[in-house]
Protein backbone atom coordinates (compact mmCIF):
# COMPACT_ATOMS: atom_id res chain seq x y z
CA UNK A 1 110.95 124.72 -17.79
CA UNK A 2 107.55 125.94 -17.94
CA UNK A 3 105.32 126.86 -21.17
CA UNK A 4 106.31 130.43 -21.15
CA UNK A 5 109.90 130.34 -21.29
CA UNK A 6 112.47 129.01 -24.11
CA UNK A 7 115.92 127.65 -23.37
CA UNK A 8 119.00 129.53 -23.40
CA UNK A 9 122.51 128.76 -23.73
CA UNK A 10 125.04 129.35 -21.29
CA UNK A 11 126.71 132.16 -23.18
CA UNK A 12 122.89 133.56 -23.57
CA UNK A 13 122.93 133.66 -19.62
CA UNK A 14 126.61 135.05 -19.27
CA UNK A 15 125.15 138.02 -21.50
CA UNK A 16 123.13 139.19 -18.36
CA UNK A 17 125.49 141.12 -15.61
CA UNK A 18 124.25 140.54 -12.43
CA UNK A 19 126.07 141.98 -9.67
CA UNK A 20 125.99 142.97 -5.93
CA UNK A 21 125.57 146.08 -4.98
CA UNK A 22 125.32 147.84 -1.45
CA UNK A 23 121.88 150.80 -1.12
CA UNK A 24 123.68 154.03 0.01
CA UNK A 25 120.79 156.17 -0.21
CA UNK A 26 116.62 155.81 -0.76
CA UNK A 27 114.21 158.21 -1.50
CA UNK A 28 110.37 158.31 -2.10
CA UNK A 29 109.26 158.84 -5.56
CA UNK A 30 106.26 160.51 -5.46
CA UNK A 31 105.76 161.57 -9.39
CA UNK A 32 106.04 157.19 -10.01
CA UNK A 33 102.71 156.03 -11.41
CA UNK A 34 103.32 153.18 -8.89
CA UNK A 35 104.50 153.81 -5.87
CA UNK A 36 108.15 153.42 -5.79
CA UNK A 37 111.19 154.40 -4.02
CA UNK A 38 114.67 156.31 -5.78
CA UNK A 39 117.60 154.43 -4.95
CA UNK A 40 121.34 154.90 -4.76
CA UNK A 41 123.50 151.95 -4.70
CA UNK A 42 127.02 151.16 -4.88
CA UNK A 43 128.52 148.22 -6.97
CA UNK A 44 132.41 148.80 -5.92
CA UNK A 45 135.17 150.09 -7.94
CA UNK A 46 134.58 148.69 -11.47
CA UNK A 47 131.03 149.82 -12.04
CA UNK A 48 130.70 152.69 -9.36
CA UNK A 49 127.30 153.89 -8.12
CA UNK A 50 123.91 153.63 -9.86
CA UNK A 51 120.84 155.00 -9.21
CA UNK A 52 117.75 153.35 -10.32
CA UNK A 53 113.90 153.20 -8.96
CA UNK A 54 112.10 149.99 -7.64
CA UNK A 55 108.24 149.48 -6.59
CA UNK A 56 109.00 147.97 -3.49
CA UNK A 57 107.08 149.76 -0.79
CA UNK A 58 104.87 147.41 0.50
CA UNK A 59 108.00 144.98 2.40
CA UNK A 60 110.78 148.01 2.39
CA UNK A 61 111.41 151.33 4.00
CA UNK A 62 114.29 153.85 3.06
CA UNK A 63 115.57 152.74 6.79
CA UNK A 64 115.23 149.07 5.85
CA UNK A 65 116.87 149.68 2.38
CA UNK A 66 120.30 151.69 3.48
CA UNK A 67 122.96 149.27 3.98
CA UNK A 68 121.55 146.25 2.31
CA UNK A 69 122.87 144.14 -0.07
CA UNK A 70 120.79 144.01 -3.29
CA UNK A 71 121.36 141.81 -6.95
CA UNK A 72 120.59 144.02 -9.89
CA UNK A 73 121.44 143.73 -13.32
CA UNK A 74 123.86 146.75 -14.42
CA UNK A 75 124.09 146.12 -18.02
CA UNK A 76 120.75 147.13 -19.33
CA UNK A 77 120.81 150.63 -21.31
CA UNK A 78 118.92 153.31 -19.36
CA UNK A 79 115.70 153.76 -18.86
CA UNK A 80 113.90 157.12 -18.48
CA UNK A 81 111.18 156.86 -15.72
CA UNK A 82 109.66 160.41 -15.53
CA UNK A 83 112.26 162.69 -14.74
CA UNK A 84 114.55 160.03 -13.36
CA UNK A 85 117.30 157.97 -15.48
CA UNK A 86 117.01 154.43 -13.91
CA UNK A 87 120.56 152.79 -14.57
CA UNK A 88 120.21 149.29 -13.04
CA UNK A 89 117.01 147.13 -12.77
CA UNK A 90 117.00 145.58 -9.03
CA UNK A 91 116.04 141.87 -8.42
CA UNK A 92 112.85 140.57 -6.73
CA UNK A 93 110.15 138.02 -6.69
CA UNK A 94 106.90 138.15 -6.23
CA UNK A 95 104.97 137.23 -2.85
CA UNK A 96 101.58 135.41 -2.67
CA UNK A 97 100.22 139.05 -2.81
CA UNK A 98 102.36 140.13 -6.21
CA UNK A 99 104.71 142.54 -4.01
CA UNK A 100 108.58 142.64 -4.89
CA UNK A 101 110.28 140.60 -2.19
CA UNK A 102 114.38 141.80 -3.21
CA UNK A 103 117.13 139.15 -3.83
CA UNK A 104 120.23 139.57 -1.96
CA UNK A 105 123.01 137.22 -1.46
CA UNK A 106 122.91 135.31 1.74
CA UNK A 107 125.83 136.29 3.48
CA UNK A 108 128.16 139.73 3.08
CA UNK A 109 130.16 139.67 -0.17
CA UNK A 110 132.18 141.92 -1.74
CA UNK A 111 130.22 144.78 -4.16
CA UNK A 112 130.33 144.11 -7.64
CA UNK A 113 130.53 140.21 -7.40
CA UNK A 114 129.10 138.57 -10.40
CA UNK A 115 126.17 136.19 -10.18
CA UNK A 116 127.48 132.80 -11.92
């Protein structure tokens, strides 16, 4: 554990609802301050389709994102980003340059599968 993190309980971890979803549609988001895409993601029957924006233009194009499975936090409250309402937070980690690399399952899994 680094000095910037503090210990949490398992119950704390379980409050964060991370699910798999499949990217259905991607559009450029020219109104964003930092280059970004608008994304629509299918999380299966229980959660449905949700939208988000993501600053992932360095490594991804709309064509490479559609059909890709991603991991996202689905239980954050919606957040207004310009005129766009983001409903989930897609997860990624920075590469050496600080650009986002998306997290995804190694194998295809069911839409809406929960991280544990």
